[in-house]
Amino acid sequence: MRYKVVGLSNLIFGALLSIYAFSMLFVVVPRLSSLYTELNIDVGSSVTGTNIRMVFILIFGLLGILLGAKLLSKPSKIYFKIGVIFLALYLVWWGLGIINSMLINVNPPDLIR
């Protein structure tokens, strides 16, 4: 039962991560780049850095999907342990993203008071 839970969780988180990275790589970043080009704003290395980061996130998400599928089809202790590590990394990644978005919305004067 726990193999199936970890496998299904890896499939879900891997799919979400892959969809996010894929949409950033092929939809959001190119549109922002063309917008910045129209506005004569040089973004150069930041777009390249974002693309490299998204490729790594896409690979990580696809590995999670493969791991989840492997756990669901043929459970194994080693895949289970790797799956738990992947779940921990997913939760840390999503948690840091939520914390980061909360901190961005805080005004600096509010932090001083």
PDB file of N, CA and C in Angstrom:
ATOM      1  N   MET A   1       0.824  -1.194   0.000  1.00  0.00           N
ATOM      2  CA  MET A   1       0.000   0.000   0.000  1.00  0.00           C
ATOM      3  C   MET A   1       0.870   1.260   0.000  1.00  0.00           C
ATOM      4  N   ARG A   2       1.903   1.281   0.841  1.00  0.00           N
ATOM      5  CA  ARG A   2       2.736   2.483   0.907  1.00  0.00           C
ATOM      6  C   ARG A   2       3.516   2.688  -0.384  1.00  0.00           C
ATOM      7  N   TYR A   3       3.847   1.589  -1.089  1.00  0.00           N
ATOM      8  CA  TYR A   3       4.520   1.718  -2.375  1.00  0.00           C
ATOM      9  C   TYR A   3       3.625   2.443  -3.378  1.00  0.00           C
ATOM     10  N   LYS A   4       2.334   2.102  -3.351  1.00  0.00           N
ATOM     11  CA  LYS A   4       1.395   2.722  -4.280  1.00  0.00           C
ATOM     12  C   LYS A   4       1.172   4.195  -3.946  1.00  0.00           C
ATOM     13  N   VAL A   5       1.137   4.520  -2.655  1.00  0.00           N
ATOM     14  CA  VAL A   5       0.951   5.917  -2.248  1.00  0.00           C
ATOM     15  C   VAL A   5       2.141   6.754  -2.694  1.00  0.00           C
ATOM     16  N   VAL A   6       3.350   6.262  -2.440  1.00  0.00           N
ATOM     17  CA  VAL A   6       4.551   6.994  -2.840  1.00  0.00           C
ATOM     18  C   VAL A   6       4.638   7.068  -4.365  1.00  0.00           C
ATOM     19  N   GLY A   7       4.311   5.975  -5.046  1.00  0.00           N
ATOM     20  CA  GLY A   7       4.344   5.974  -6.506  1.00  0.00           C
ATOM     21  C   GLY A   7       3.355   6.951  -7.112  1.00  0.00           C
ATOM     22  N   LEU A   8       2.134   6.961  -6.605  1.00  0.00           N
ATOM     23  CA  LEU A   8       1.117   7.878  -7.109  1.00  0.00           C
ATOM     24  C   LEU A   8       1.477   9.328  -6.795  1.00  0.00           C
ATOM     25  N   SER A   9       2.017   9.572  -5.611  1.00  0.00           N
ATOM     26  CA  SER A   9       2.440  10.924  -5.244  1.00  0.00           C
ATOM     27  C   SER A   9       3.556  11.407  -6.159  1.00  0.00           C
ATOM     28  N   ASN A  10       4.509  10.531  -6.456  1.00  0.00           N
ATOM     29  CA  ASN A  10       5.585  10.904  -7.371  1.00  0.00           C
ATOM     30  C   ASN A  10       5.050  11.193  -8.767  1.00  0.00           C
ATOM     31  N   LEU A  11       4.082  10.411  -9.206  1.00  0.00           N
ATOM     32  CA  LEU A  11       3.469  10.670 -10.512  1.00  0.00           C
ATOM     33  C   LEU A  11       2.805  12.044 -10.543  1.00  0.00           C
ATOM     34  N   ILE A  12       2.048  12.359  -9.506  1.00  0.00           N
ATOM     35  CA  ILE A  12       1.321  13.630  -9.464  1.00  0.00           C
ATOM     36  C   ILE A  12       2.277  14.807  -9.381  1.00  0.00           C
ATOM     37  N   PHE A  13       3.209  14.779  -8.419  1.00  0.00           N
ATOM     38  CA  PHE A  13       4.148  15.892  -8.268  1.00  0.00           C
ATOM     39  C   PHE A  13       5.059  16.013  -9.485  1.00  0.00           C
ATOM     40  N   GLY A  14       5.497  14.887 -10.029  1.00  0.00           N
ATOM     41  CA  GLY A  14       6.330  14.927 -11.230  1.00  0.00           C
ATOM     42  C   GLY A  14       5.597  15.530 -12.410  1.00  0.00           C
ATOM     43  N   ALA A  15       4.324  15.184 -12.557  1.00  0.00           N
ATOM     44  CA  ALA A  15       3.526  15.741 -13.653  1.00  0.00           C
ATOM     45  C   ALA A  15       3.322  17.242 -13.470  1.00  0.00           C
ATOM     46  N   LEU A  16       3.017  17.667 -12.255  1.00  0.00           N
ATOM     47  CA  LEU A  16       2.845  19.100 -11.995  1.00  0.00           C
ATOM     48  C   LEU A  16       4.124  19.872 -12.276  1.00  0.00           C
ATOM     49  N   LEU A  17       5.235  19.333 -11.822  1.00  0.00           N
ATOM     50  CA  LEU A  17       6.524  19.982 -12.031  1.00  0.00           C
ATOM     51  C   LEU A  17       6.881  20.022 -13.513  1.00  0.00           C
ATOM     52  N   SER A  18       6.611  18.951 -14.226  1.00  0.00           N
ATOM     53  CA  SER A  18       6.914  18.903 -15.658  1.00  0.00           C
ATOM     54  C   SER A  18       6.049  19.886 -16.442  1.00  0.00           C
ATOM     55  N   ILE A  19       4.773  19.967 -16.096  1.00  0.00           N
ATOM     56  CA  ILE A  19       3.880  20.915 -16.769  1.00  0.00           C
ATOM     57  C   ILE A  19       4.341  22.344 -16.514  1.00  0.00           C
ATOM     58  N   TYR A  20       4.726  22.637 -15.277  1.00  0.00           N
ATOM     59  CA  TYR A  20       5.220  23.973 -14.927  1.00  0.00           C
ATOM     60  C   TYR A  20       6.469  24.315 -15.738  1.00  0.00           C
ATOM     61  N   ALA A  21       7.451  23.422 -15.734  1.00  0.00           N
ATOM     62  CA  ALA A  21       8.710  23.693 -16.433  1.00  0.00           C
ATOM     63  C   ALA A  21       8.493  23.785 -17.943  1.00  0.00           C
ATOM     64  N   PHE A  22       7.664  22.899 -18.489  1.00  0.00           N
ATOM     65  CA  PHE A  22       7.396  22.902 -19.924  1.00  0.00           C
ATOM     66  C   PHE A  22       6.720  24.207 -20.340  1.00  0.00           C
ATOM     67  N   SER A  23       5.742  24.654 -19.558  1.00  0.00           N
ATOM     68  CA  SER A  23       5.051  25.902 -19.903  1.00  0.00           C
ATOM     69  C   SER A  23       5.977  27.102 -19.766  1.00  0.00           C
ATOM     70  N   MET A  24       6.852  27.083 -18.770  1.00  0.00           N
ATOM     71  CA  MET A  24       7.810  28.182 -18.630  1.00  0.00           C
ATOM     72  C   MET A  24       8.786  28.206 -19.806  1.00  0.00           C
ATOM     73  N   LEU A  25       9.272  27.037 -20.194  1.00  0.00           N
ATOM     74  CA  LEU A  25      10.261  26.966 -21.278  1.00  0.00           C
ATOM     75  C   LEU A  25       9.693  27.383 -22.626  1.00  0.00           C
ATOM     76  N   PHE A  26       8.489  26.937 -22.929  1.00  0.00           N
ATOM     77  CA  PHE A  26       7.986  27.098 -24.283  1.00  0.00           C
ATOM     78  C   PHE A  26       6.861  28.119 -24.434  1.00  0.00           C
ATOM     79  N   VAL A  27       6.358  28.683 -23.329  1.00  0.00           N
ATOM     80  CA  VAL A  27       5.283  29.668 -23.442  1.00  0.00           C
ATOM     81  C   VAL A  27       5.667  30.984 -22.770  1.00  0.00           C
ATOM     82  N   VAL A  28       5.936  30.947 -21.483  1.00  0.00           N
ATOM     83  CA  VAL A  28       6.113  32.178 -20.708  1.00  0.00           C
ATOM     84  C   VAL A  28       7.411  32.899 -21.058  1.00  0.00           C
ATOM     85  N   VAL A  29       8.535  32.198 -20.993  1.00  0.00           N
ATOM     86  CA  VAL A  29       9.829  32.852 -21.223  1.00  0.00           C
ATOM     87  C   VAL A  29       9.948  33.420 -22.639  1.00  0.00           C
ATOM     88  N   PRO A  30       9.553  32.686 -23.690  1.00  0.00           N
ATOM     89  CA  PRO A  30       9.632  33.301 -25.031  1.00  0.00           C
ATOM     90  C   PRO A  30       8.748  34.542 -25.183  1.00  0.00           C
ATOM     91  N   ARG A  31       7.565  34.510 -24.581  1.00  0.00           N
ATOM     92  CA  ARG A  31       6.686  35.686 -24.682  1.00  0.00           C
ATOM     93  C   ARG A  31       7.268  36.874 -23.931  1.00  0.00           C
ATOM     94  N   LEU A  32       7.828  36.621 -22.740  1.00  0.00           N
ATOM     95  CA  LEU A  32       8.455  37.712 -21.998  1.00  0.00           C
ATOM     96  C   LEU A  32       9.673  38.246 -22.737  1.00  0.00           C
ATOM     97  N   SER A  33      10.439  37.361 -23.349  1.00  0.00           N
ATOM     98  CA  SER A  33      11.620  37.791 -24.104  1.00  0.00           C
ATOM     99  C   SER A  33      11.223  38.697 -25.259  1.00  0.00           C
ATOM    100  N   SER A  34      10.174  38.321 -25.980  1.00  0.00           N
ATOM    101  CA  SER A  34       9.739  39.161 -27.102  1.00  0.00           C
ATOM    102  C   SER A  34       9.179  40.489 -26.601  1.00  0.00           C
ATOM    103  N   LEU A  35       8.499  40.472 -25.465  1.00  0.00           N
ATOM    104  CA  LEU A  35       7.987  41.715 -24.889  1.00  0.00           C
ATOM    105  C   LEU A  35       9.132  42.631 -24.478  1.00  0.00           C
ATOM    106  N   TYR A  36      10.145  42.075 -23.816  1.00  0.00           N
ATOM    107  CA  TYR A  36      11.302  42.875 -23.412  1.00  0.00           C
ATOM    108  C   TYR A  36      12.064  43.401 -24.623  1.00  0.00           C
ATOM    109  N   THR A  37      12.115  42.624 -25.691  1.00  0.00           N
ATOM    110  CA  THR A  37      12.785  43.079 -26.909  1.00  0.00           C
ATOM    111  C   THR A  37      12.031  44.260 -27.507  1.00  0.00           C
ATOM    112  N   GLU A  38      10.699  44.195 -27.509  1.00  0.00           N
ATOM    113  CA  GLU A  38       9.898  45.307 -28.022  1.00  0.00           C
ATOM    114  C   GLU A  38      10.093  46.563 -27.186  1.00  0.00           C
ATOM    115  N   LEU A  39      10.297  46.393 -25.887  1.00  0.00           N
ATOM    116  CA  LEU A  39      10.475  47.534 -24.992  1.00  0.00           C
ATOM    117  C   LEU A  39      11.933  47.973 -24.886  1.00  0.00           C
ATOM    118  N   ASN A  40      12.810  47.343 -25.674  1.00  0.00           N
ATOM    119  CA  ASN A  40      14.251  47.633 -25.665  1.00  0.00           C
ATOM    120  C   ASN A  40      14.884  47.435 -24.298  1.00  0.00           C
ATOM    121  N   ILE A  41      14.476  46.389 -23.596  1.00  0.00           N
ATOM    122  CA  ILE A  41      15.064  46.040 -22.302  1.00  0.00           C
ATOM    123  C   ILE A  41      15.956  44.828 -22.523  1.00  0.00           C
ATOM    124  N   ASP A  42      17.219  44.940 -22.125  1.00  0.00           N
ATOM    125  CA  ASP A  42      18.157  43.830 -22.316  1.00  0.00           C
ATOM    126  C   ASP A  42      18.045  42.868 -21.139  1.00  0.00           C
ATOM    127  N   VAL A  43      17.660  41.639 -21.417  1.00  0.00           N
ATOM    128  CA  VAL A  43      17.549  40.636 -20.359  1.00  0.00           C
ATOM    129  C   VAL A  43      18.623  39.566 -20.464  1.00  0.00           C
ATOM    130  N   GLY A  44      19.206  39.401 -21.625  1.00  0.00           N
ATOM    131  CA  GLY A  44      20.327  38.512 -21.885  1.00  0.00           C
ATOM    132  C   GLY A  44      20.477  37.285 -21.020  1.00  0.00           C
ATOM    133  N   SER A  45      21.318  37.384 -19.997  1.00  0.00           N
ATOM    134  CA  SER A  45      21.693  36.210 -19.201  1.00  0.00           C
ATOM    135  C   SER A  45      20.569  35.727 -18.291  1.00  0.00           C
ATOM    136  N   SER A  46      19.636  36.593 -17.909  1.00  0.00           N
ATOM    137  CA  SER A  46      18.569  36.133 -17.018  1.00  0.00           C
ATOM    138  C   SER A  46      17.647  35.143 -17.730  1.00  0.00           C
ATOM    139  N   VAL A  47      17.413  35.338 -19.027  1.00  0.00           N
ATOM    140  CA  VAL A  47      16.592  34.392 -19.785  1.00  0.00           C
ATOM    141  C   VAL A  47      17.324  33.066 -19.918  1.00  0.00           C
ATOM    142  N   THR A  48      18.621  33.128 -20.189  1.00  0.00           N
ATOM    143  CA  THR A  48      19.415  31.899 -20.295  1.00  0.00           C
ATOM    144  C   THR A  48      19.422  31.153 -18.973  1.00  0.00           C
ATOM    145  N   GLY A  49      19.591  31.868 -17.868  1.00  0.00           N
ATOM    146  CA  GLY A  49      19.576  31.239 -16.545  1.00  0.00           C
ATOM    147  C   GLY A  49      18.240  30.602 -16.231  1.00  0.00           C
ATOM    148  N   THR A  50      17.155  31.277 -16.597  1.00  0.00           N
ATOM    149  CA  THR A  50      15.821  30.720 -16.378  1.00  0.00           C
ATOM    150  C   THR A  50      15.624  29.460 -17.211  1.00  0.00           C
ATOM    151  N   ASN A  51      16.068  29.493 -18.453  1.00  0.00           N
ATOM    152  CA  ASN A  51      15.919  28.315 -19.313  1.00  0.00           C
ATOM    153  C   ASN A  51      16.706  27.130 -18.779  1.00  0.00           C
ATOM    154  N   ILE A  52      17.921  27.359 -18.314  1.00  0.00           N
ATOM    155  CA  ILE A  52      18.732  26.269 -17.763  1.00  0.00           C
ATOM    156  C   ILE A  52      18.063  25.694 -16.523  1.00  0.00           C
ATOM    157  N   ARG A  53      17.565  26.569 -15.654  1.00  0.00           N
ATOM    158  CA  ARG A  53      16.878  26.111 -14.443  1.00  0.00           C
ATOM    159  C   ARG A  53      15.630  25.304 -14.786  1.00  0.00           C
ATOM    160  N   MET A  54      14.877  25.753 -15.772  1.00  0.00           N
ATOM    161  CA  MET A  54      13.660  25.044 -16.166  1.00  0.00           C
ATOM    162  C   MET A  54      13.971  23.682 -16.786  1.00  0.00           C
ATOM    163  N   VAL A  55      15.084  23.564 -17.495  1.00  0.00           N
ATOM    164  CA  VAL A  55      15.469  22.262 -18.052  1.00  0.00           C
ATOM    165  C   VAL A  55      15.755  21.282 -16.920  1.00  0.00           C
ATOM    166  N   PHE A  56      16.470  21.741 -15.890  1.00  0.00           N
ATOM    167  CA  PHE A  56      16.736  20.864 -14.747  1.00  0.00           C
ATOM    168  C   PHE A  56      15.445  20.481 -14.023  1.00  0.00           C
ATOM    169  N   ILE A  57      14.532  21.425 -13.864  1.00  0.00           N
ATOM    170  CA  ILE A  57      13.253  21.131 -13.215  1.00  0.00           C
ATOM    171  C   ILE A  57      12.444  20.146 -14.057  1.00  0.00           C
ATOM    172  N   LEU A  58      12.476  20.313 -15.377  1.00  0.00           N
ATOM    173  CA  LEU A  58      11.765  19.389 -16.262  1.00  0.00           C
ATOM    174  C   LEU A  58      12.340  17.976 -16.151  1.00  0.00           C
ATOM    175  N   ILE A  59      13.658  17.862 -16.123  1.00  0.00           N
ATOM    176  CA  ILE A  59      14.296  16.547 -15.971  1.00  0.00           C
ATOM    177  C   ILE A  59      13.908  15.923 -14.635  1.00  0.00           C
ATOM    178  N   PHE A  60      13.926  16.720 -13.568  1.00  0.00           N
ATOM    179  CA  PHE A  60      13.555  16.233 -12.239  1.00  0.00           C
ATOM    180  C   PHE A  60      12.105  15.754 -12.221  1.00  0.00           C
ATOM    181  N   GLY A  61      11.207  16.504 -12.860  1.00  0.00           N
ATOM    182  CA  GLY A  61       9.804  16.100 -12.929  1.00  0.00           C
ATOM    183  C   GLY A  61       9.606  14.825 -13.727  1.00  0.00           C
ATOM    184  N   LEU A  62      10.309  14.706 -14.847  1.00  0.00           N
ATOM    185  CA  LEU A  62      10.188  13.490 -15.657  1.00  0.00           C
ATOM    186  C   LEU A  62      10.752  12.277 -14.928  1.00  0.00           C
ATOM    187  N   LEU A  63      11.835  12.469 -14.188  1.00  0.00           N
ATOM    188  CA  LEU A  63      12.367  11.370 -13.377  1.00  0.00           C
ATOM    189  C   LEU A  63      11.361  10.945 -12.309  1.00  0.00           C
ATOM    190  N   GLY A  64      10.659  11.917 -11.729  1.00  0.00           N
ATOM    191  CA  GLY A  64       9.624  11.598 -10.751  1.00  0.00           C
ATOM    192  C   GLY A  64       8.486  10.797 -11.363  1.00  0.00           C
ATOM    193  N   ILE A  65       8.105  11.150 -12.593  1.00  0.00           N
ATOM    194  CA  ILE A  65       7.052  10.399 -13.280  1.00  0.00           C
ATOM    195  C   ILE A  65       7.507   8.964 -13.535  1.00  0.00           C
ATOM    196  N   LEU A  66       8.733   8.811 -14.030  1.00  0.00           N
ATOM    197  CA  LEU A  66       9.257   7.461 -14.285  1.00  0.00           C
ATOM    198  C   LEU A  66       9.349   6.647 -13.005  1.00  0.00           C
ATOM    199  N   LEU A  67       9.809   7.282 -11.941  1.00  0.00           N
ATOM    200  CA  LEU A  67       9.929   6.595 -10.657  1.00  0.00           C
ATOM    201  C   LEU A  67       8.556   6.184 -10.129  1.00  0.00           C
ATOM    202  N   GLY A  68       7.579   7.082 -10.236  1.00  0.00           N
ATOM    203  CA  GLY A  68       6.226   6.752  -9.799  1.00  0.00           C
ATOM    204  C   GLY A  68       5.626   5.608 -10.592  1.00  0.00           C
ATOM    205  N   ALA A  69       5.847   5.617 -11.904  1.00  0.00           N
ATOM    206  CA  ALA A  69       5.332   4.528 -12.741  1.00  0.00           C
ATOM    207  C   ALA A  69       6.005   3.206 -12.386  1.00  0.00           C
ATOM    208  N   LYS A  70       7.295   3.257 -12.109  1.00  0.00           N
ATOM    209  CA  LYS A  70       8.024   2.038 -11.739  1.00  0.00           C
ATOM    210  C   LYS A  70       7.510   1.494 -10.407  1.00  0.00           C
ATOM    211  N   LEU A  71       7.260   2.380  -9.447  1.00  0.00           N
ATOM    212  CA  LEU A  71       6.749   1.944  -8.146  1.00  0.00           C
ATOM    213  C   LEU A  71       5.346   1.350  -8.257  1.00  0.00           C
ATOM    214  N   LEU A  72       4.527   1.908  -9.138  1.00  0.00           N
ATOM    215  CA  LEU A  72       3.170   1.386  -9.289  1.00  0.00           C
ATOM    216  C   LEU A  72       3.150   0.045 -10.023  1.00  0.00           C
ATOM    217  N   SER A  73       4.062  -0.131 -10.970  1.00  0.00           N
ATOM    218  CA  SER A  73       4.041  -1.371 -11.750  1.00  0.00           C
ATOM    219  C   SER A  73       4.794  -2.512 -11.073  1.00  0.00           C
ATOM    220  N   LYS A  74       5.950  -2.205 -10.490  1.00  0.00           N
ATOM    221  CA  LYS A  74       6.778  -3.259  -9.900  1.00  0.00           C
ATOM    222  C   LYS A  74       7.459  -2.702  -8.646  1.00  0.00           C
ATOM    223  N   PRO A  75       6.796  -2.777  -7.491  1.00  0.00           N
ATOM    224  CA  PRO A  75       7.347  -2.200  -6.265  1.00  0.00           C
ATOM    225  C   PRO A  75       8.688  -2.822  -5.874  1.00  0.00           C
ATOM    226  N   SER A  76       9.569  -1.964  -5.370  1.00  0.00           N
ATOM    227  CA  SER A  76      10.886  -2.394  -4.923  1.00  0.00           C
ATOM    228  C   SER A  76      11.314  -1.481  -3.775  1.00  0.00           C
ATOM    229  N   LYS A  77      12.070  -2.024  -2.821  1.00  0.00           N
ATOM    230  CA  LYS A  77      12.483  -1.217  -1.669  1.00  0.00           C
ATOM    231  C   LYS A  77      13.380  -0.059  -2.077  1.00  0.00           C
ATOM    232  N   ILE A  78      14.294  -0.291  -3.019  1.00  0.00           N
ATOM    233  CA  ILE A  78      15.206   0.778  -3.425  1.00  0.00           C
ATOM    234  C   ILE A  78      14.452   1.904  -4.126  1.00  0.00           C
ATOM    235  N   TYR A  79      13.489   1.543  -4.991  1.00  0.00           N
ATOM    236  CA  TYR A  79      12.680   2.569  -5.640  1.00  0.00           C
ATOM    237  C   TYR A  79      11.805   3.294  -4.625  1.00  0.00           C
ATOM    238  N   PHE A  80      11.356   2.584  -3.611  1.00  0.00           N
ATOM    239  CA  PHE A  80      10.559   3.207  -2.556  1.00  0.00           C
ATOM    240  C   PHE A  80      11.383   4.257  -1.822  1.00  0.00           C
ATOM    241  N   LYS A  81      12.625   3.917  -1.474  1.00  0.00           N
ATOM    242  CA  LYS A  81      13.484   4.873  -0.764  1.00  0.00           C
ATOM    243  C   LYS A  81      13.793   6.091  -1.630  1.00  0.00           C
ATOM    244  N   ILE A  82      14.080   5.850  -2.901  1.00  0.00           N
ATOM    245  CA  ILE A  82      14.332   6.970  -3.812  1.00  0.00           C
ATOM    246  C   ILE A  82      13.061   7.809  -3.968  1.00  0.00           C
ATOM    247  N   GLY A  83      11.909   7.157  -4.019  1.00  0.00           N
ATOM    248  CA  GLY A  83      10.641   7.864  -4.132  1.00  0.00           C
ATOM    249  C   GLY A  83      10.355   8.744  -2.934  1.00  0.00           C
ATOM    250  N   VAL A  84      10.689   8.271  -1.746  1.00  0.00           N
ATOM    251  CA  VAL A  84      10.503   9.085  -0.539  1.00  0.00           C
ATOM    252  C   VAL A  84      11.420  10.304  -0.585  1.00  0.00           C
ATOM    253  N   ILE A  85      12.647  10.121  -1.052  1.00  0.00           N
ATOM    254  CA  ILE A  85      13.577  11.255  -1.182  1.00  0.00           C
ATOM    255  C   ILE A  85      13.030  12.264  -2.192  1.00  0.00           C
ATOM    256  N   PHE A  86      12.519  11.772  -3.315  1.00  0.00           N
ATOM    257  CA  PHE A  86      11.930  12.664  -4.311  1.00  0.00           C
ATOM    258  C   PHE A  86      10.746  13.427  -3.727  1.00  0.00           C
ATOM    259  N   LEU A  87       9.895  12.745  -2.958  1.00  0.00           N
ATOM    260  CA  LEU A  87       8.756  13.433  -2.338  1.00  0.00           C
ATOM    261  C   LEU A  87       9.221  14.525  -1.387  1.00  0.00           C
ATOM    262  N   ALA A  88      10.252  14.232  -0.606  1.00  0.00           N
ATOM    263  CA  ALA A  88      10.790  15.246   0.303  1.00  0.00           C
ATOM    264  C   ALA A  88      11.311  16.446  -0.489  1.00  0.00           C
ATOM    265  N   LEU A  89      12.005  16.190  -1.581  1.00  0.00           N
ATOM    266  CA  LEU A  89      12.513  17.289  -2.408  1.00  0.00           C
ATOM    267  C   LEU A  89      11.377  18.086  -3.036  1.00  0.00           C
ATOM    268  N   TYR A  90      10.329  17.392  -3.496  1.00  0.00           N
ATOM    269  CA  TYR A  90       9.168  18.098  -4.041  1.00  0.00           C
ATOM    270  C   TYR A  90       8.544  19.009  -2.987  1.00  0.00           C
ATOM    271  N   LEU A  91       8.332  18.470  -1.800  1.00  0.00           N
ATOM    272  CA  LEU A  91       7.679  19.261  -0.751  1.00  0.00           C
ATOM    273  C   LEU A  91       8.534  20.445  -0.326  1.00  0.00           C
ATOM    274  N   VAL A  92       9.841  20.261  -0.244  1.00  0.00           N
ATOM    275  CA  VAL A  92      10.735  21.380   0.081  1.00  0.00           C
ATOM    276  C   VAL A  92      10.668  22.428  -1.022  1.00  0.00           C
ATOM    277  N   TRP A  93      10.681  21.984  -2.283  1.00  0.00           N
ATOM    278  CA  TRP A  93      10.657  22.918  -3.403  1.00  0.00           C
ATOM    279  C   TRP A  93       9.362  23.731  -3.406  1.00  0.00           C
ATOM    280  N   TRP A  94       8.213  23.048  -3.255  1.00  0.00           N
ATOM    281  CA  TRP A  94       6.932  23.759  -3.227  1.00  0.00           C
ATOM    282  C   TRP A  94       6.843  24.653  -1.994  1.00  0.00           C
ATOM    283  N   GLY A  95       7.321  24.176  -0.847  1.00  0.00           N
ATOM    284  CA  GLY A  95       7.285  24.973   0.376  1.00  0.00           C
ATOM    285  C   GLY A  95       8.114  26.235   0.263  1.00  0.00           C
ATOM    286  N   LEU A  96       9.310  26.118  -0.301  1.00  0.00           N
ATOM    287  CA  LEU A  96      10.149  27.303  -0.486  1.00  0.00           C
ATOM    288  C   LEU A  96       9.513  28.281  -1.463  1.00  0.00           C
ATOM    289  N   GLY A  97       8.846  27.766  -2.467  1.00  0.00           N
ATOM    290  CA  GLY A  97       8.149  28.640  -3.408  1.00  0.00           C
ATOM    291  C   GLY A  97       7.019  29.406  -2.741  1.00  0.00           C
ATOM    292  N   ILE A  98       6.280  28.742  -1.872  1.00  0.00           N
ATOM    293  CA  ILE A  98       5.187  29.406  -1.152  1.00  0.00           C
ATOM    294  C   ILE A  98       5.740  30.456  -0.198  1.00  0.00           C
ATOM    295  N   ILE A  99       6.797  30.112   0.536  1.00  0.00           N
ATOM    296  CA  ILE A  99       7.410  31.070   1.459  1.00  0.00           C
ATOM    297  C   ILE A  99       7.951  32.266   0.691  1.00  0.00           C
ATOM    298  N   ASN A 100       8.589  32.017  -0.443  1.00  0.00           N
ATOM    299  CA  ASN A 100       9.133  33.095  -1.256  1.00  0.00           C
ATOM    300  C   ASN A 100       8.029  34.024  -1.741  1.00  0.00           C
ATOM    301  N   SER A 101       6.914  33.471  -2.193  1.00  0.00           N
ATOM    302  CA  SER A 101       5.818  34.316  -2.662  1.00  0.00           C
ATOM    303  C   SER A 101       5.195  35.106  -1.516  1.00  0.00           C
ATOM    304  N   MET A 102       5.215  34.548  -0.303  1.00  0.00           N
ATOM    305  CA  MET A 102       4.690  35.287   0.847  1.00  0.00           C
ATOM    306  C   MET A 102       5.617  36.443   1.206  1.00  0.00           C
ATOM    307  N   LEU A 103       6.918  36.216   1.123  1.00  0.00           N
ATOM    308  CA  LEU A 103       7.872  37.265   1.470  1.00  0.00           C
ATOM    309  C   LEU A 103       7.886  38.390   0.445  1.00  0.00           C
ATOM    310  N   ILE A 104       7.617  38.069  -0.812  1.00  0.00           N
ATOM    311  CA  ILE A 104       7.598  39.102  -1.843  1.00  0.00           C
ATOM    312  C   ILE A 104       6.458  40.081  -1.582  1.00  0.00           C
ATOM    313  N   ASN A 105       5.353  39.611  -1.031  1.00  0.00           N
ATOM    314  CA  ASN A 105       4.187  40.460  -0.807  1.00  0.00           C
ATOM    315  C   ASN A 105       4.268  41.288   0.468  1.00  0.00           C
ATOM    316  N   VAL A 106       5.340  41.122   1.254  1.00  0.00           N
ATOM    317  CA  VAL A 106       5.485  41.897   2.486  1.00  0.00           C
ATOM    318  C   VAL A 106       6.210  43.196   2.163  1.00  0.00           C
ATOM    319  N   ASN A 107       5.657  44.308   2.615  1.00  0.00           N
ATOM    320  CA  ASN A 107       6.310  45.597   2.403  1.00  0.00           C
ATOM    321  C   ASN A 107       7.452  45.768   3.394  1.00  0.00           C
ATOM    322  N   PRO A 108       8.594  46.291   2.961  1.00  0.00           N
ATOM    323  CA  PRO A 108       9.735  46.468   3.874  1.00  0.00           C
ATOM    324  C   PRO A 108       9.432  47.291   5.124  1.00  0.00           C
ATOM    325  N   PRO A 109       8.634  48.389   5.048  1.00  0.00           N
ATOM    326  CA  PRO A 109       8.335  49.115   6.293  1.00  0.00           C
ATOM    327  C   PRO A 109       7.588  48.258   7.319  1.00  0.00           C
ATOM    328  N   ASP A 110       6.792  47.293   6.851  1.00  0.00           N
ATOM    329  CA  ASP A 110       6.077  46.427   7.778  1.00  0.00           C
ATOM    330  C   ASP A 110       7.033  45.537   8.549  1.00  0.00           C
ATOM    331  N   LEU A 111       8.164  45.203   7.947  1.00  0.00           N
ATOM    332  CA  LEU A 111       9.147  44.372   8.629  1.00  0.00           C
ATOM    333  C   LEU A 111       9.852  45.141   9.739  1.00  0.00           C
ATOM    334  N   ILE A 112       9.987  46.452   9.569  1.00  0.00           N
ATOM    335  CA  ILE A 112      10.702  47.265  10.557  1.00  0.00           C
ATOM    336  C   ILE A 112       9.854  47.475  11.805  1.00  0.00           C
ATOM    337  N   ARG A 113       8.562  47.644  11.649  1.00  0.00           N
ATOM    338  CA  ARG A 113       7.684  47.936  12.782  1.00  0.00           C
ATOM    339  C   ARG A 113       7.591  46.824  13.750  1.00  0.00           C
TER     340      ARG A 113
END
